[in-house]
C-alpha atoms as a PDB file:
ATOM      1  CA  MET A   1       2.848  65.843  69.457  1.00  0.00           C
ATOM      2  CA  ILE A   2       6.367  66.488  68.193  1.00  0.00           C
ATOM      3  CA  VAL A   3       9.344  64.410  69.290  1.00  0.00           C
ATOM      4  CA  ALA A   4      12.863  65.814  68.994  1.00  0.00           C
ATOM      5  CA  THR A   5      14.900  63.269  70.950  1.00  0.00           C
ATOM      6  CA  GLY A   6      18.053  63.732  68.886  1.00  0.00           C
ATOM      7  CA  SER A   7      20.660  61.119  68.150  1.00  0.00           C
ATOM      8  CA  ALA A   8      23.407  59.258  69.981  1.00  0.00           C
ATOM      9  CA  PRO A   9      26.650  57.594  68.961  1.00  0.00           C
ATOM     10  CA  SER A  10      26.775  53.900  68.224  1.00  0.00           C
ATOM     11  CA  LEU A  11      29.645  51.579  67.543  1.00  0.00           C
ATOM     12  CA  ASP A  12      29.262  51.637  63.800  1.00  0.00           C
ATOM     13  CA  ILE A  13      30.411  53.909  61.024  1.00  0.00           C
ATOM     14  CA  VAL A  14      27.138  55.230  59.633  1.00  0.00           C
ATOM     15  CA  GLY A  15      28.794  57.084  56.749  1.00  0.00           C
ATOM     16  CA  ASN A  16      30.406  53.878  55.487  1.00  0.00           C
ATOM     17  CA  LEU A  17      27.014  52.893  54.081  1.00  0.00           C
ATOM     18  CA  ALA A  18      27.352  55.725  51.535  1.00  0.00           C
ATOM     19  CA  GLN A  19      30.726  54.262  50.547  1.00  0.00           C
ATOM     20  CA  GLY A  20      29.173  50.818  49.960  1.00  0.00           C
ATOM     21  CA  ILE A  21      30.769  49.382  53.126  1.00  0.00           C
ATOM     22  CA  GLN A  22      28.070  47.378  54.920  1.00  0.00           C
ATOM     23  CA  ASP A  23      30.145  45.928  57.760  1.00  0.00           C
ATOM     24  CA  THR A  24      33.316  47.142  59.457  1.00  0.00           C
ATOM     25  CA  PRO A  25      34.933  44.316  61.448  1.00  0.00           C
ATOM     26  CA  GLY A  26      36.627  45.233  64.722  1.00  0.00           C
ATOM     27  CA  LEU A  27      34.351  48.014  65.955  1.00  0.00           C
ATOM     28  CA  ALA A  28      33.556  46.106  69.186  1.00  0.00           C
ATOM     29  CA  GLN A  29      37.183  46.147  70.349  1.00  0.00           C
ATOM     30  CA  ASP A  30      38.059  47.843  73.647  1.00  0.00           C
ATOM     31  CA  ASN A  31      40.288  50.384  71.873  1.00  0.00           C
ATOM     32  CA  VAL A  32      37.364  51.690  69.759  1.00  0.00           C
ATOM     33  CA  MET A  33      35.168  54.380  71.288  1.00  0.00           C
ATOM     34  CA  SER A  34      32.918  57.309  70.462  1.00  0.00           C
ATOM     35  CA  VAL A  35      33.568  61.000  71.027  1.00  0.00           C
ATOM     36  CA  TRP A  36      31.032  60.791  73.883  1.00  0.00           C
ATOM     37  CA  ASP A  37      33.129  58.050  75.521  1.00  0.00           C
ATOM     38  CA  VAL A  38      36.083  60.421  75.524  1.00  0.00           C
ATOM     39  CA  LEU A  39      34.377  63.715  76.401  1.00  0.00           C
ATOM     40  CA  GLU A  40      31.549  62.616  78.714  1.00  0.00           C
ATOM     41  CA  ASP A  41      32.727  59.330  80.189  1.00  0.00           C
ATOM     42  CA  ARG A  42      36.391  60.369  80.161  1.00  0.00           C
ATOM     43  CA  ARG A  43      37.542  56.952  79.027  1.00  0.00           C
ATOM     44  CA  PRO A  44      41.332  56.801  78.914  1.00  0.00           C
ATOM     45  CA  ILE A  45      42.946  56.960  75.488  1.00  0.00           C
ATOM     46  CA  GLY A  46      46.386  55.951  74.314  1.00  0.00           C
ATOM     47  CA  HIS A  47      49.123  58.051  72.801  1.00  0.00           C
ATOM     48  CA  ARG A  48      48.568  57.127  69.144  1.00  0.00           C
ATOM     49  CA  VAL A  49      44.985  58.019  68.175  1.00  0.00           C
ATOM     50  CA  LEU A  50      43.021  57.635  64.939  1.00  0.00           C
ATOM     51  CA  VAL A  51      39.982  59.943  64.758  1.00  0.00           C
ATOM     52  CA  VAL A  52      37.425  58.642  62.246  1.00  0.00           C
ATOM     53  CA  ASP A  53      35.051  61.063  60.517  1.00  0.00           C
ATOM     54  CA  ASP A  54      32.602  59.124  58.349  1.00  0.00           C
ATOM     55  CA  GLY A  55      31.556  62.080  56.213  1.00  0.00           C
ATOM     56  CA  GLU A  56      29.764  64.156  58.833  1.00  0.00           C
ATOM     57  CA  GLY A  57      32.678  66.600  58.581  1.00  0.00           C
ATOM     58  CA  GLY A  58      31.798  68.749  61.590  1.00  0.00           C
ATOM     59  CA  TRP A  59      33.617  70.204  64.552  1.00  0.00           C
ATOM     60  CA  LYS A  60      33.061  67.062  66.632  1.00  0.00           C
ATOM     61  CA  GLY A  61      35.960  65.129  65.145  1.00  0.00           C
ATOM     62  CA  ILE A  62      38.081  68.088  64.109  1.00  0.00           C
ATOM     63  CA  GLY A  63      37.840  69.793  67.497  1.00  0.00           C
ATOM     64  CA  LEU A  64      38.710  66.587  69.328  1.00  0.00           C
ATOM     65  CA  ALA A  65      41.642  65.867  66.987  1.00  0.00           C
ATOM     66  CA  LEU A  66      43.007  69.387  67.479  1.00  0.00           C
ATOM     67  CA  GLN A  67      42.664  69.127  71.269  1.00  0.00           C
ATOM     68  CA  LEU A  68      44.348  65.714  71.380  1.00  0.00           C
ATOM     69  CA  ASP A  69      47.190  67.066  69.228  1.00  0.00           C
ATOM     70  CA  ALA A  70      47.588  70.049  71.557  1.00  0.00           C
ATOM     71  CA  ASP A  71      47.676  67.620  74.513  1.00  0.00           C
ATOM     72  CA  GLY A  72      50.629  65.787  72.935  1.00  0.00           C
ATOM     73  CA  HIS A  73      48.911  62.775  71.370  1.00  0.00           C
ATOM     74  CA  ASP A  74      50.033  61.442  67.989  1.00  0.00           C
ATOM     75  CA  VAL A  75      46.830  61.991  65.969  1.00  0.00           C
ATOM     76  CA  GLU A  76      45.716  60.863  62.520  1.00  0.00           C
ATOM     77  CA  TYR A  77      42.374  61.906  61.012  1.00  0.00           C
ATOM     78  CA  VAL A  78      40.406  59.842  58.473  1.00  0.00           C
ATOM     79  CA  THR A  79      37.634  61.349  56.333  1.00  0.00           C
ATOM     80  CA  PRO A  80      35.915  60.344  53.072  1.00  0.00           C
ATOM     81  CA  LEU A  81      35.710  64.068  52.264  1.00  0.00           C
ATOM     82  CA  PRO A  82      38.325  65.897  50.142  1.00  0.00           C
ATOM     83  CA  TYR A  83      39.828  67.464  53.282  1.00  0.00           C
ATOM     84  CA  ALA A  84      39.231  67.700  57.018  1.00  0.00           C
ATOM     85  CA  GLY A  85      36.697  70.471  57.556  1.00  0.00           C
ATOM     86  CA  ALA A  86      35.107  70.249  54.109  1.00  0.00           C
ATOM     87  CA  LYS A  87      31.559  70.557  55.505  1.00  0.00           C
ATOM     88  CA  LEU A  88      32.116  73.285  58.084  1.00  0.00           C
ATOM     89  CA  GLY A  89      31.115  76.222  55.907  1.00  0.00           C
ATOM     90  CA  PRO A  90      33.474  78.914  54.642  1.00  0.00           C
ATOM     91  CA  PHE A  91      34.088  80.882  57.840  1.00  0.00           C
ATOM     92  CA  SER A  92      34.614  77.902  60.140  1.00  0.00           C
ATOM     93  CA  ALA A  93      36.488  75.871  57.535  1.00  0.00           C
ATOM     94  CA  ASP A  94      39.001  78.677  57.019  1.00  0.00           C
ATOM     95  CA  LEU A  95      39.827  78.590  60.725  1.00  0.00           C
ATOM     96  CA  ALA A  96      39.780  74.796  61.084  1.00  0.00           C
ATOM     97  CA  VAL A  97      41.794  73.939  57.985  1.00  0.00           C
ATOM     98  CA  ARG A  98      44.484  76.458  58.906  1.00  0.00           C
ATOM     99  CA  ARG A  99      44.706  75.008  62.433  1.00  0.00           C
ATOM    100  CA  ILE A 100      44.920  71.458  61.080  1.00  0.00           C
ATOM    101  CA  HIS A 101      47.744  72.414  58.709  1.00  0.00           C
ATOM    102  CA  LEU A 102      49.635  74.056  61.585  1.00  0.00           C
ATOM    103  CA  SER A 103      49.144  71.009  63.824  1.00  0.00           C
ATOM    104  CA  HIS A 104      50.962  67.676  63.811  1.00  0.00           C
ATOM    105  CA  ILE A 105      47.800  65.840  62.675  1.00  0.00           C
ATOM    106  CA  ALA A 106      48.256  63.502  59.703  1.00  0.00           C
ATOM    107  CA  THR A 107      45.122  63.515  57.551  1.00  0.00           C
ATOM    108  CA  HIS A 108      43.733  60.816  55.262  1.00  0.00           C
ATOM    109  CA  PRO A 109      41.278  62.452  52.810  1.00  0.00           C
ATOM    110  CA  PHE A 110      39.072  60.362  50.525  1.00  0.00           C
ATOM    111  CA  ALA A 111      39.452  57.493  53.029  1.00  0.00           C
ATOM    112  CA  SER A 112      37.144  55.172  54.964  1.00  0.00           C
ATOM    113  CA  VAL A 113      37.922  52.635  57.685  1.00  0.00           C
ATOM    114  CA  THR A 114      37.165  49.115  56.449  1.00  0.00           C
ATOM    115  CA  ARG A 115      38.608  46.995  59.291  1.00  0.00           C
ATOM    116  CA  ILE A 116      40.141  47.296  62.741  1.00  0.00           C
ATOM    117  CA  ASP A 117      42.321  44.407  63.853  1.00  0.00           C
ATOM    118  CA  GLY A 118      43.917  45.127  67.216  1.00  0.00           C
ATOM    119  CA  ALA A 119      46.276  48.062  66.704  1.00  0.00           C
ATOM    120  CA  THR A 120      46.066  47.935  62.892  1.00  0.00           C
ATOM    121  CA  VAL A 121      43.403  49.874  61.024  1.00  0.00           C
ATOM    122  CA  THR A 122      42.741  49.153  57.346  1.00  0.00           C
ATOM    123  CA  LEU A 123      41.546  52.007  55.157  1.00  0.00           C
ATOM    124  CA  SER A 124      40.165  52.304  51.686  1.00  0.00           C
ATOM    125  CA  GLU A 125      42.087  55.449  50.774  1.00  0.00           C
ATOM    126  CA  GLN A 126      41.528  57.039  47.390  1.00  0.00           C
ATOM    127  CA  GLY A 127      40.448  53.638  46.069  1.00  0.00           C
ATOM    128  CA  HIS A 128      43.435  51.690  47.444  1.00  0.00           C
ATOM    129  CA  ALA A 129      43.940  49.619  50.576  1.00  0.00           C
ATOM    130  CA  ASN A 130      46.180  51.240  53.167  1.00  0.00           C
ATOM    131  CA  THR A 131      46.931  50.482  56.818  1.00  0.00           C
ATOM    132  CA  VAL A 132      47.652  52.600  59.844  1.00  0.00           C
ATOM    133  CA  ALA A 133      49.648  50.556  62.355  1.00  0.00           C
ATOM    134  CA  ASP A 134      50.342  50.818  66.081  1.00  0.00           C
ATOM    135  CA  VAL A 135      47.075  52.628  66.863  1.00  0.00           C
ATOM    136  CA  ASP A 136      46.281  52.720  70.581  1.00  0.00           C
ATOM    137  CA  THR A 137      42.796  54.239  70.308  1.00  0.00           C
ATOM    138  CA  VAL A 138      40.244  54.622  67.498  1.00  0.00           C
ATOM    139  CA  ILE A 139      37.651  57.356  68.096  1.00  0.00           C
ATOM    140  CA  LEU A 140      34.479  57.335  65.991  1.00  0.00           C
ATOM    141  CA  ALA A 141      33.492  60.958  65.360  1.00  0.00           C
ATOM    142  CA  GLY A 142      30.861  60.706  62.656  1.00  0.00           C
ATOM    143  CA  TRP A 143      27.120  60.507  62.208  1.00  0.00           C
ATOM    144  CA  HIS A 144      24.988  59.270  65.098  1.00  0.00           C
ATOM    145  CA  ARG A 145      21.941  57.016  65.124  1.00  0.00           C
ATOM    146  CA  PRO A 146      18.460  58.445  65.869  1.00  0.00           C
ATOM    147  CA  VAL A 147      17.108  58.006  69.407  1.00  0.00           C
ATOM    148  CA  THR A 148      13.664  56.533  68.716  1.00  0.00           C
ATOM    149  CA  ASP A 149      12.488  54.891  71.975  1.00  0.00           C
ATOM    150  CA  LEU A 150      10.000  57.625  72.942  1.00  0.00           C
ATOM    151  CA  TYR A 151       8.634  57.960  69.400  1.00  0.00           C
ATOM    152  CA  VAL A 152       8.100  54.201  69.055  1.00  0.00           C
ATOM    153  CA  ALA A 153       6.476  53.979  72.514  1.00  0.00           C
ATOM    154  CA  LEU A 154       4.068  56.836  71.758  1.00  0.00           C
ATOM    155  CA  LYS A 155       3.166  55.429  68.327  1.00  0.00           C
ATOM    156  CA  GLY A 156       2.594  52.044  69.976  1.00  0.00           C
ATOM    157  CA  ARG A 157       0.035  53.673  72.277  1.00  0.00           C
ATOM    158  CA  GLY A 158      -1.790  55.246  69.339  1.00  0.00           C
ATOM    159  CA  VAL A 159      -0.579  58.803  69.958  1.00  0.00           C
ATOM    160  CA  THR A 160      -0.381  61.029  66.884  1.00  0.00           C
ATOM    161  CA  VAL A 161       3.286  61.982  66.876  1.00  0.00           C
ATOM    162  CA  GLU A 162       5.924  63.106  64.420  1.00  0.00           C
ATOM    163  CA  ARG A 163       9.689  63.185  64.674  1.00  0.00           C
ATOM    164  CA  ILE A 164      11.959  66.058  63.731  1.00  0.00           C
ATOM    165  CA  GLY A 165      15.691  66.657  63.548  1.00  0.00           C
ATOM    166  CA  ASP A 166      18.151  63.950  64.455  1.00  0.00           C
ATOM    167  CA  ALA A 167      15.303  61.804  65.804  1.00  0.00           C
ATOM    168  CA  ILE A 168      14.704  61.005  62.109  1.00  0.00           C
ATOM    169  CA  ALA A 169      18.311  60.905  60.912  1.00  0.00           C
ATOM    170  CA  SER A 170      21.513  62.598  61.972  1.00  0.00           C
ATOM    171  CA  ARG A 171      22.002  65.719  59.885  1.00  0.00           C
ATOM    172  CA  THR A 172      22.961  69.343  60.382  1.00  0.00           C
ATOM    173  CA  MET A 173      21.432  71.867  62.737  1.00  0.00           C
ATOM    174  CA  LEU A 174      19.941  73.733  59.780  1.00  0.00           C
ATOM    175  CA  GLU A 175      17.737  70.791  58.809  1.00  0.00           C
ATOM    176  CA  ALA A 176      16.601  70.335  62.422  1.00  0.00           C
ATOM    177  CA  ILE A 177      15.670  74.011  62.753  1.00  0.00           C
ATOM    178  CA  HIS A 178      13.785  73.944  59.462  1.00  0.00           C
ATOM    179  CA  GLU A 179      11.855  70.781  60.400  1.00  0.00           C
ATOM    180  CA  GLY A 180      11.053  72.205  63.856  1.00  0.00           C
ATOM    181  CA  GLU A 181       9.714  75.411  62.318  1.00  0.00           C
ATOM    182  CA  ARG A 182       7.549  73.494  59.820  1.00  0.00           C
ATOM    183  CA  ALA A 183       6.220  71.190  62.551  1.00  0.00           C
ATOM    184  CA  ALA A 184       5.399  74.137  64.822  1.00  0.00           C
ATOM    185  CA  ARG A 185       3.453  75.793  61.991  1.00  0.00           C
ATOM    186  CA  ARG A 186       1.440  72.606  61.500  1.00  0.00           C
ATOM    187  CA  VAL A 187       0.650  72.435  65.218  1.00  0.00           C
ATOM    188  CA  THR A 188      -0.475  76.068  65.427  1.00  0.00           C
ATOM    189  CA  SER A 189      -2.562  75.807  62.246  1.00  0.00           C
ATOM    190  CA  ASN A 190      -4.364  72.727  63.641  1.00  0.00           C
ATOM    191  CA  THR A 191      -5.331  74.351  66.958  1.00  0.00           C
END
Protein backbone atom coordinates (compact mmCIF):
# COMPACT_ATOMS: atom_id res chain seq x y z
CA MET A 1 0.00 0.00 0.00
CA ILE A 2 1.20 3.51 -0.81
CA VAL A 3 0.28 6.52 1.30
CA ALA A 4 0.45 10.01 -0.19
CA THR A 5 -1.29 12.10 2.48
CA GLY A 6 0.72 15.24 1.79
CA SER A 7 1.67 17.89 4.28
CA ALA A 8 0.00 20.67 6.24
CA PRO A 9 1.15 23.94 7.76
CA SER A 10 2.20 24.13 11.38
CA LEU A 11 3.06 27.04 13.58
CA ASP A 12 6.79 26.66 13.22
CA ILE A 13 9.36 27.77 10.70
CA VAL A 14 10.64 24.47 9.32
CA GLY A 15 13.36 26.10 7.21
CA ASN A 16 14.88 27.76 10.27
CA LEU A 17 16.37 24.39 11.19
CA ALA A 18 18.67 24.68 8.15
CA GLN A 19 19.77 28.08 9.46
CA GLY A 20 20.65 26.58 12.87
CA ILE A 21 17.61 28.20 14.54
CA GLN A 22 16.00 25.54 16.74
CA ASP A 23 13.29 27.64 18.38
CA THR A 24 11.49 30.79 17.26
CA PRO A 25 9.74 32.46 20.21
CA GLY A 26 6.40 34.14 19.54
CA LEU A 27 4.94 31.81 16.92
CA ALA A 28 1.88 31.05 19.10
CA GLN A 29 0.71 34.68 19.10
CA ASP A 30 -2.72 35.52 17.67
CA ASN A 31 -1.16 37.71 14.95
CA VAL A 32 0.84 34.76 13.52
CA MET A 33 -0.91 32.52 11.01
CA SER A 34 -0.33 30.22 8.06
CA VAL A 35 -1.20 30.80 4.42
CA TRP A 36 -4.03 28.27 4.91
CA ASP A 37 -5.43 30.41 7.74
CA VAL A 38 -5.64 33.33 5.33
CA LEU A 39 -6.78 31.56 2.15
CA GLU A 40 -8.99 28.75 3.49
CA ASP A 41 -10.19 29.99 6.86
CA ARG A 42 -10.25 33.64 5.76
CA ARG A 43 -8.84 34.85 9.05
CA PRO A 44 -8.72 38.64 9.13
CA ILE A 45 -5.32 40.25 8.65
CA GLY A 46 -4.07 43.71 9.50
CA HIS A 47 -2.74 46.41 7.23
CA ARG A 48 0.98 45.87 7.86
CA VAL A 49 1.87 42.27 6.95
CA LEU A 50 5.13 40.31 7.09
CA VAL A 51 5.13 37.23 4.83
CA VAL A 52 7.74 34.70 5.96
CA ASP A 53 9.26 32.28 3.45
CA ASP A 54 11.59 29.87 5.24
CA GLY A 55 13.47 28.77 2.14
CA GLU A 56 10.69 26.94 0.32
CA GLY A 57 10.73 29.81 -2.19
CA GLY A 58 7.56 28.89 -4.06
CA TRP A 59 4.48 30.69 -5.30
CA LYS A 60 2.67 30.19 -1.98
CA GLY A 61 4.31 33.12 -0.23
CA ILE A 62 5.09 35.19 -3.30
CA GLY A 63 1.57 34.92 -4.71
CA LEU A 64 0.02 35.84 -1.38
CA ALA A 65 2.41 38.79 -0.91
CA LEU A 66 1.62 40.09 -4.40
CA GLN A 67 -2.14 39.75 -3.82
CA LEU A 68 -1.96 41.50 -0.44
CA ASP A 69 0.06 44.31 -2.02
CA ALA A 70 -2.51 44.66 -4.80
CA ASP A 71 -5.25 44.79 -2.13
CA GLY A 72 -3.53 47.77 -0.49
CA HIS A 73 -1.71 46.11 2.41
CA ASP A 74 1.77 47.26 3.43
CA VAL A 75 3.74 44.04 2.77
CA GLU A 76 7.27 42.95 3.63
CA TYR A 77 8.69 39.59 2.52
CA VAL A 78 11.40 37.66 4.40
CA THR A 79 13.41 34.86 2.77
CA PRO A 80 16.74 33.16 3.53
CA LEU A 81 17.24 32.89 -0.25
CA PRO A 82 19.19 35.47 -2.29
CA TYR A 83 15.93 36.94 -3.62
CA ALA A 84 12.19 36.34 -3.53
CA GLY A 85 11.42 33.76 -6.20
CA ALA A 86 14.88 32.18 -6.24
CA LYS A 87 13.47 28.62 -6.37
CA LEU A 88 10.67 29.13 -8.88
CA GLY A 89 12.59 28.08 -11.97
CA PRO A 90 13.62 30.39 -14.80
CA PHE A 91 10.27 30.97 -16.51
CA SER A 92 8.23 31.55 -13.35
CA ALA A 93 10.99 33.46 -11.58
CA ASP A 94 11.27 35.92 -14.46
CA LEU A 95 7.58 36.75 -14.08
CA ALA A 96 7.54 36.77 -10.27
CA VAL A 97 10.70 38.80 -9.71
CA ARG A 98 9.57 41.44 -12.19
CA ARG A 99 6.17 41.69 -10.45
CA ILE A 100 7.82 41.97 -7.03
CA HIS A 101 10.10 44.77 -8.23
CA LEU A 102 7.09 46.64 -9.66
CA SER A 103 5.12 46.20 -6.43
CA HIS A 104 5.41 48.07 -3.14
CA ILE A 105 6.70 44.94 -1.35
CA ALA A 106 9.85 45.44 0.72
CA THR A 107 12.00 42.31 0.58
CA HIS A 108 14.51 40.97 3.10
CA PRO A 109 16.82 38.48 1.31
CA PHE A 110 19.27 36.31 3.24
CA ALA A 111 17.02 36.74 6.30
CA SER A 112 15.29 34.48 8.82
CA VAL A 113 12.79 35.30 11.56
CA THR A 114 14.32 34.60 14.97
CA ARG A 115 11.66 36.08 17.30
CA ILE A 116 8.19 37.61 17.26
CA ASP A 117 7.33 39.84 20.20
CA GLY A 118 3.91 41.43 19.73
CA ALA A 119 4.17 43.73 16.72
CA THR A 120 7.98 43.53 16.53
CA VAL A 121 9.69 40.83 14.49
CA THR A 122 13.41 40.18 14.91
CA LEU A 123 15.36 38.93 11.91
CA SER A 124 18.79 37.55 11.35
CA GLU A 125 19.43 39.41 8.10
CA GLN A 126 22.67 38.83 6.24
CA GLY A 127 24.28 37.81 9.54
CA HIS A 128 23.07 40.83 11.54
CA ALA A 129 20.12 41.37 13.86
CA ASN A 130 17.40 43.58 12.42
CA THR A 131 13.82 44.34 13.47
CA VAL A 132 10.63 45.03 11.60
CA ALA A 133 8.29 47.06 13.81
CA ASP A 134 4.56 47.75 13.85
CA VAL A 135 3.63 44.45 12.17
CA ASP A 136 -0.08 43.66 12.41
CA THR A 137 0.07 40.15 10.93
CA VAL A 138 2.84 37.59 10.36
CA ILE A 139 2.02 34.95 7.73
CA LEU A 140 4.12 31.78 7.63
CA ALA A 141 4.45 30.72 3.99
CA GLY A 142 7.17 28.10 4.06
CA TRP A 143 7.64 24.36 4.28
CA HIS A 144 4.86 22.25 5.80
CA ARG A 145 5.03 19.24 8.10
CA PRO A 146 4.17 15.74 6.80
CA VAL A 147 0.69 14.40 7.55
CA THR A 148 1.50 10.98 9.02
CA ASP A 149 -1.61 9.83 10.95
CA LEU A 150 -2.79 7.30 8.35
CA TYR A 151 0.71 5.92 7.75
CA VAL A 152 1.37 5.46 11.47
CA ALA A 153 -2.06 3.84 12.01
CA LEU A 154 -1.54 1.38 9.15
CA LYS A 155 2.00 0.50 10.28
CA GLY A 156 0.64 -0.01 13.80
CA ARG A 157 -1.79 -2.60 12.41
CA GLY A 158 1.01 -4.45 10.63
CA VAL A 159 0.10 -3.30 7.12
CA THR A 160 2.97 -3.14 4.64
CA VAL A 161 2.89 0.51 3.62
CA GLU A 162 5.24 3.12 2.25
CA ARG A 163 4.98 6.89 2.13
CA ILE A 164 5.67 9.11 -0.85
CA GLY A 165 5.80 12.83 -1.53
CA ASP A 166 5.12 15.33 1.20
CA ALA A 167 3.96 12.52 3.50
CA ILE A 168 7.71 11.94 4.00
CA ALA A 169 8.91 15.55 3.93
CA SER A 170 7.70 18.72 2.28
CA ARG A 171 9.52 19.15 -1.02
CA THR A 172 8.72 20.05 -4.60
CA MET A 173 6.16 18.47 -6.89
CA LEU A 174 8.96 16.95 -8.97
CA GLU A 175 10.17 14.80 -6.08
CA ALA A 176 6.61 13.67 -5.31
CA ILE A 177 5.98 12.68 -8.93
CA HIS A 178 9.27 10.79 -9.10
CA GLU A 179 8.60 8.92 -5.84
CA GLY A 180 5.04 8.09 -6.95
CA GLU A 181 6.30 6.70 -10.25
CA ARG A 182 8.96 4.56 -8.51
CA ALA A 183 6.43 3.28 -5.97
CA ALA A 184 3.92 2.40 -8.70
CA ARG A 185 6.60 0.43 -10.55
CA ARG A 186 7.36 -1.53 -7.38
CA VAL A 187 3.67 -2.31 -6.88
CA THR A 188 3.16 -3.50 -10.47
CA SER A 189 6.36 -5.59 -10.44
CA ASN A 190 5.23 -7.33 -7.22
CA THR A 191 1.79 -8.33 -8.54
